[in-house]
Amino acid sequence: MHMATNRPRYTVSVDDELFQRIEDFRYEHRYQTRSQATVELIRLGLEALKKEQTEKNDASSDN
């Protein structure tokens, strides 16, 4: 039984290579759905970007 969700939804198209990388991540980390794996990859990417930007800002303020 699937529960209805109020979360926003959208469709993303990816090439075959990226699709396979998402699938590999999904199975390696035991996510039940492709959506769960994709959301986690997006979250990880955004966290990495934020960290990179913070480090860049810290380095420029040291000068």
N, C-alpha and C. Protein backbone atom coordinates (compact mmCIF):
# COMPACT_ATOMS: atom_id res chain seq x y z
N MET A 1 0.84 -1.18 0.00
CA MET A 1 0.00 0.00 0.00
C MET A 1 0.88 1.24 0.00
N HIS A 2 0.64 2.18 -0.90
CA HIS A 2 1.43 3.40 -1.00
C HIS A 2 0.71 4.53 -0.30
N MET A 3 1.48 5.31 0.43
CA MET A 3 0.91 6.46 1.12
C MET A 3 1.01 7.68 0.19
N ALA A 4 -0.02 8.49 0.18
CA ALA A 4 0.01 9.73 -0.59
C ALA A 4 1.00 10.67 0.08
N THR A 5 1.64 11.49 -0.72
CA THR A 5 2.61 12.43 -0.19
C THR A 5 2.29 13.84 -0.68
N ASN A 6 2.61 14.80 0.15
CA ASN A 6 2.42 16.20 -0.22
C ASN A 6 3.71 16.81 -0.74
N ARG A 7 4.73 16.01 -0.89
CA ARG A 7 6.01 16.52 -1.38
C ARG A 7 5.92 16.90 -2.85
N PRO A 8 6.64 17.96 -3.23
CA PRO A 8 6.67 18.31 -4.66
C PRO A 8 7.30 17.17 -5.47
N ARG A 9 6.82 17.00 -6.69
CA ARG A 9 7.35 15.95 -7.58
C ARG A 9 7.76 16.58 -8.90
N TYR A 10 8.77 16.01 -9.50
CA TYR A 10 9.14 16.40 -10.86
C TYR A 10 9.92 15.27 -11.50
N THR A 11 10.04 15.35 -12.81
CA THR A 11 10.71 14.32 -13.58
C THR A 11 12.08 14.81 -14.01
N VAL A 12 13.06 13.92 -13.94
CA VAL A 12 14.42 14.23 -14.38
C VAL A 12 14.82 13.20 -15.41
N SER A 13 15.36 13.66 -16.53
CA SER A 13 15.87 12.75 -17.56
C SER A 13 17.39 12.71 -17.45
N VAL A 14 17.95 11.51 -17.49
CA VAL A 14 19.40 11.34 -17.41
C VAL A 14 19.87 10.43 -18.53
N ASP A 15 21.16 10.52 -18.86
CA ASP A 15 21.68 9.63 -19.88
C ASP A 15 21.94 8.25 -19.26
N ASP A 16 22.26 7.29 -20.11
CA ASP A 16 22.42 5.90 -19.66
C ASP A 16 23.52 5.75 -18.61
N GLU A 17 24.62 6.48 -18.79
CA GLU A 17 25.74 6.37 -17.85
C GLU A 17 25.34 6.88 -16.46
N LEU A 18 24.70 8.03 -16.41
CA LEU A 18 24.28 8.58 -15.13
C LEU A 18 23.22 7.69 -14.48
N PHE A 19 22.32 7.17 -15.28
CA PHE A 19 21.31 6.24 -14.77
C PHE A 19 21.98 5.05 -14.10
N GLN A 20 22.99 4.49 -14.74
CA GLN A 20 23.69 3.33 -14.18
C GLN A 20 24.41 3.69 -12.89
N ARG A 21 24.98 4.88 -12.83
CA ARG A 21 25.67 5.32 -11.61
C ARG A 21 24.68 5.46 -10.45
N ILE A 22 23.49 5.98 -10.75
CA ILE A 22 22.45 6.10 -9.73
C ILE A 22 22.02 4.71 -9.26
N GLU A 23 21.83 3.81 -10.22
CA GLU A 23 21.45 2.43 -9.87
C GLU A 23 22.53 1.76 -9.02
N ASP A 24 23.79 1.94 -9.38
CA ASP A 24 24.89 1.36 -8.60
C ASP A 24 24.88 1.90 -7.17
N PHE A 25 24.71 3.22 -7.04
CA PHE A 25 24.63 3.84 -5.72
C PHE A 25 23.46 3.26 -4.93
N ARG A 26 22.34 3.13 -5.59
CA ARG A 26 21.13 2.59 -4.95
C ARG A 26 21.38 1.20 -4.37
N TYR A 27 21.94 0.32 -5.16
CA TYR A 27 22.16 -1.05 -4.69
C TYR A 27 23.27 -1.13 -3.66
N GLU A 28 24.34 -0.34 -3.84
CA GLU A 28 25.45 -0.36 -2.88
C GLU A 28 25.00 0.13 -1.50
N HIS A 29 24.06 1.07 -1.48
CA HIS A 29 23.60 1.65 -0.22
C HIS A 29 22.23 1.13 0.21
N ARG A 30 21.73 0.15 -0.53
CA ARG A 30 20.49 -0.57 -0.18
C ARG A 30 19.25 0.31 -0.06
N TYR A 31 19.13 1.29 -0.95
CA TYR A 31 17.90 2.08 -0.98
C TYR A 31 16.82 1.26 -1.65
N GLN A 32 15.61 1.32 -1.13
CA GLN A 32 14.51 0.54 -1.68
C GLN A 32 14.04 1.08 -3.02
N THR A 33 14.13 2.38 -3.20
CA THR A 33 13.63 2.97 -4.45
C THR A 33 14.69 3.84 -5.10
N ARG A 34 14.54 4.01 -6.38
CA ARG A 34 15.42 4.90 -7.14
C ARG A 34 15.24 6.34 -6.65
N SER A 35 14.01 6.70 -6.30
CA SER A 35 13.75 8.06 -5.80
C SER A 35 14.52 8.33 -4.52
N GLN A 36 14.53 7.37 -3.60
CA GLN A 36 15.28 7.56 -2.35
C GLN A 36 16.76 7.77 -2.64
N ALA A 37 17.31 6.98 -3.53
CA ALA A 37 18.72 7.10 -3.87
C ALA A 37 19.00 8.44 -4.53
N THR A 38 18.13 8.86 -5.43
CA THR A 38 18.32 10.13 -6.13
C THR A 38 18.25 11.30 -5.16
N VAL A 39 17.30 11.28 -4.25
CA VAL A 39 17.19 12.35 -3.26
C VAL A 39 18.45 12.40 -2.39
N GLU A 40 18.96 11.26 -1.99
CA GLU A 40 20.18 11.22 -1.18
C GLU A 40 21.37 11.76 -1.96
N LEU A 41 21.49 11.40 -3.22
CA LEU A 41 22.58 11.92 -4.05
C LEU A 41 22.49 13.43 -4.20
N ILE A 42 21.30 13.95 -4.38
CA ILE A 42 21.11 15.40 -4.47
C ILE A 42 21.51 16.05 -3.15
N ARG A 43 21.05 15.49 -2.04
CA ARG A 43 21.38 16.03 -0.72
C ARG A 43 22.89 16.05 -0.49
N LEU A 44 23.55 14.94 -0.81
CA LEU A 44 25.01 14.85 -0.66
C LEU A 44 25.73 15.87 -1.54
N GLY A 45 25.25 16.02 -2.76
CA GLY A 45 25.86 16.99 -3.67
C GLY A 45 25.70 18.41 -3.18
N LEU A 46 24.53 18.76 -2.67
CA LEU A 46 24.29 20.10 -2.16
C LEU A 46 25.13 20.37 -0.91
N GLU A 47 25.27 19.37 -0.04
CA GLU A 47 26.12 19.52 1.14
C GLU A 47 27.58 19.72 0.74
N ALA A 48 28.05 18.97 -0.25
CA ALA A 48 29.43 19.10 -0.71
C ALA A 48 29.65 20.48 -1.33
N LEU A 49 28.69 20.96 -2.08
CA LEU A 49 28.79 22.28 -2.70
C LEU A 49 28.84 23.37 -1.63
N LYS A 50 27.99 23.25 -0.62
CA LYS A 50 27.97 24.23 0.47
C LYS A 50 29.31 24.24 1.20
N LYS A 51 29.86 23.05 1.47
CA LYS A 51 31.15 22.94 2.16
C LYS A 51 32.25 23.58 1.31
N GLU A 52 32.23 23.30 0.02
CA GLU A 52 33.23 23.86 -0.89
C GLU A 52 33.15 25.38 -0.91
N GLN A 53 31.94 25.92 -0.97
CA GLN A 53 31.77 27.37 -0.99
C GLN A 53 32.20 28.00 0.32
N THR A 54 31.91 27.34 1.44
CA THR A 54 32.32 27.84 2.75
C THR A 54 33.84 27.87 2.85
N GLU A 55 34.50 26.80 2.40
CA GLU A 55 35.96 26.74 2.43
C GLU A 55 36.56 27.81 1.53
N LYS A 56 35.95 28.04 0.38
CA LYS A 56 36.43 29.07 -0.55
C LYS A 56 36.30 30.45 0.09
N ASN A 57 35.17 30.71 0.74
CA ASN A 57 34.95 31.99 1.40
C ASN A 57 35.91 32.18 2.57
N ASP A 58 36.16 31.11 3.33
CA ASP A 58 37.10 31.19 4.45
C ASP A 58 38.51 31.48 3.95
N ALA A 59 38.90 30.86 2.85
CA ALA A 59 40.24 31.06 2.29
C ALA A 59 40.39 32.49 1.78
N SER A 60 39.36 33.04 1.15
CA SER A 60 39.46 34.40 0.62
C SER A 60 39.43 35.44 1.74
N SER A 61 38.80 35.14 2.86
CA SER A 61 38.77 36.09 3.98
C SER A 61 40.08 36.07 4.76
N ASP A 62 40.88 35.01 4.59
CA ASP A 62 42.18 34.93 5.25
C ASP A 62 43.20 35.83 4.56
N ASN A 63 42.95 36.22 3.33
CA ASN A 63 43.91 37.03 2.56
C ASN A 63 43.77 38.48 2.84
